[in-house]
Protein backbone atom coordinates (compact mmCIF):
# COMPACT_ATOMS: atom_id res chain seq x y z
CA MET A 1 -42.87 1.04 -13.85
CA LEU A 2 -40.01 2.84 -12.09
CA ARG A 3 -36.84 0.80 -11.75
CA MET A 4 -34.06 1.71 -9.38
CA ASN A 5 -30.45 0.88 -10.15
CA THR A 6 -29.47 -0.97 -6.95
CA MET A 7 -25.69 -0.87 -7.58
CA SER A 8 -25.73 2.89 -8.10
CA SER A 9 -27.71 3.38 -4.91
CA ILE A 10 -25.35 1.22 -2.87
CA SER A 11 -22.31 2.99 -4.33
CA ALA A 12 -23.76 6.41 -3.52
CA MET A 13 -24.59 5.34 0.06
CA THR A 14 -21.08 3.92 0.56
CA LYS A 15 -19.47 7.16 -0.60
CA LYS A 16 -21.61 9.17 1.82
CA MET A 17 -20.81 6.85 4.73
CA ALA A 18 -17.04 6.64 4.17
CA LYS A 19 -15.02 8.82 6.52
CA PRO A 20 -12.87 11.29 4.61
CA PRO A 21 -9.14 11.39 5.40
CA SER A 22 -8.00 13.92 7.98
CA TRP A 23 -4.84 15.02 9.78
CA ASN A 24 -4.03 13.48 13.15
CA ALA A 25 -1.34 14.34 15.67
CA MET A 26 1.41 11.81 16.36
CA GLY A 27 1.36 12.24 20.11
CA THR A 28 2.99 15.53 21.06
CA GLY A 29 5.49 15.24 18.22
CA THR A 30 9.20 16.08 18.47
CA ASP A 31 11.00 19.03 20.04
CA ASN A 32 12.92 19.94 16.86
CA ASN A 33 12.99 19.31 13.12
CA VAL A 34 12.24 15.96 11.52
CA ALA A 35 14.35 15.47 8.39
CA ALA A 36 13.33 11.92 7.43
CA ILE A 37 10.40 9.59 7.95
CA TYR A 38 9.83 5.99 6.95
CA ALA A 39 6.61 4.08 7.56
CA LEU A 40 6.94 0.32 7.36
CA ASP A 41 3.25 0.18 8.35
CA SER A 42 0.98 2.11 10.73
CA ASN A 43 2.64 0.51 13.78
CA ASN A 44 6.26 0.98 12.69
CA VAL A 45 6.99 4.59 11.72
CA TYR A 46 10.57 5.80 12.10
CA VAL A 47 11.63 9.45 12.15
CA GLY A 48 15.08 11.01 12.17
CA GLY A 49 16.17 14.59 12.70
CA ALA A 50 17.66 17.18 15.00
CA PHE A 51 15.48 16.38 18.01
CA THR A 52 16.17 15.11 21.52
CA ASN A 53 12.60 14.36 22.55
CA ALA A 54 9.66 12.62 20.87
CA GLY A 55 6.35 12.61 22.69
CA GLY A 56 8.01 13.14 26.06
CA VAL A 57 10.51 10.31 25.51
CA GLY A 58 14.18 11.29 25.57
CA THR A 59 15.62 10.18 22.25
CA ILE A 60 18.40 11.71 20.19
CA GLY A 61 18.07 12.00 16.43
CA ILE A 62 15.81 8.96 15.85
CA ALA A 63 12.56 7.59 17.26
CA LYS A 64 9.82 5.06 16.55
CA TRP A 65 6.05 5.71 16.51
CA ASP A 66 3.87 2.62 17.08
CA GLY A 67 0.59 4.28 16.21
CA ILE A 68 -0.01 5.37 19.80
CA ASN A 69 3.33 6.10 21.52
CA TRP A 70 6.86 7.20 20.74
CA SER A 71 9.85 5.11 21.82
CA ALA A 72 13.59 5.61 21.83
CA MET A 73 15.89 3.47 19.72
CA GLY A 74 18.68 2.83 22.17
CA THR A 75 20.57 6.00 23.00
CA GLY A 76 19.97 7.37 19.52
CA LEU A 77 22.34 9.07 17.10
CA THR A 78 24.94 11.55 18.29
CA GLY A 79 27.82 13.65 16.98
CA ASN A 80 27.93 16.44 14.38
CA THR A 81 24.37 17.63 15.14
CA PRO A 82 22.64 14.33 14.39
CA ILE A 83 20.29 14.52 11.45
CA GLY A 84 18.85 11.29 10.09
CA ILE A 85 18.43 12.25 6.46
CA ALA A 86 17.65 8.78 5.15
CA ILE A 87 15.77 5.94 6.82
CA HIS A 88 14.72 2.60 5.41
CA ALA A 89 13.21 -0.32 7.31
CA TYR A 90 13.13 -3.90 6.12
CA ALA A 91 12.00 -6.85 8.23
CA ASN A 92 13.48 -6.18 11.68
CA ASN A 93 16.26 -3.86 10.50
CA VAL A 94 16.18 -0.06 10.31
CA TYR A 95 18.90 1.51 8.15
CA VAL A 96 19.85 5.15 8.80
CA GLY A 97 22.21 7.42 6.93
CA GLY A 98 22.99 10.98 7.89
CA ARG A 99 25.34 13.19 9.78
CA PHE A 100 26.31 11.31 12.95
CA THR A 101 29.36 9.59 14.44
CA ARG A 102 27.73 7.45 17.13
CA ALA A 103 24.71 5.15 17.02
CA GLY A 104 23.68 3.81 20.41
CA GLY A 105 27.19 4.32 21.78
CA LEU A 106 28.84 2.53 18.85
CA THR A 107 31.31 4.56 16.76
CA VAL A 108 30.01 4.75 13.19
CA ASN A 109 30.68 6.86 10.14
CA ASN A 110 27.35 8.42 9.08
CA ILE A 111 25.52 5.13 8.49
CA ALA A 112 24.18 2.41 10.81
CA VAL A 113 21.59 -0.34 11.11
CA TRP A 114 19.27 -0.98 14.08
CA LYS A 115 18.74 -4.75 14.51
């Protein structure tokens, strides 16, 4: 009598049916270099760099990707060729460190938090 290992068959079928990972565009991207990225989850991805546009949205030095669209974070980061080199998000706060002197119009010294 021929016996089939049901668990092995199910496992093999699942592997065949699973979609392999692939690259996807994040909208139309940014118009210049991205130096930092932080993903809190798939709906809260923050990028910083030397850009002034993300996906057609005017934003300077920092932007948020919600999984579908880009959005500006206030008026962004300006001064000294803004480059967000470090980003960390926790709860509703986004911490950014880099080379900038203004964050959303507020005078800062290379570090700020978005609340």
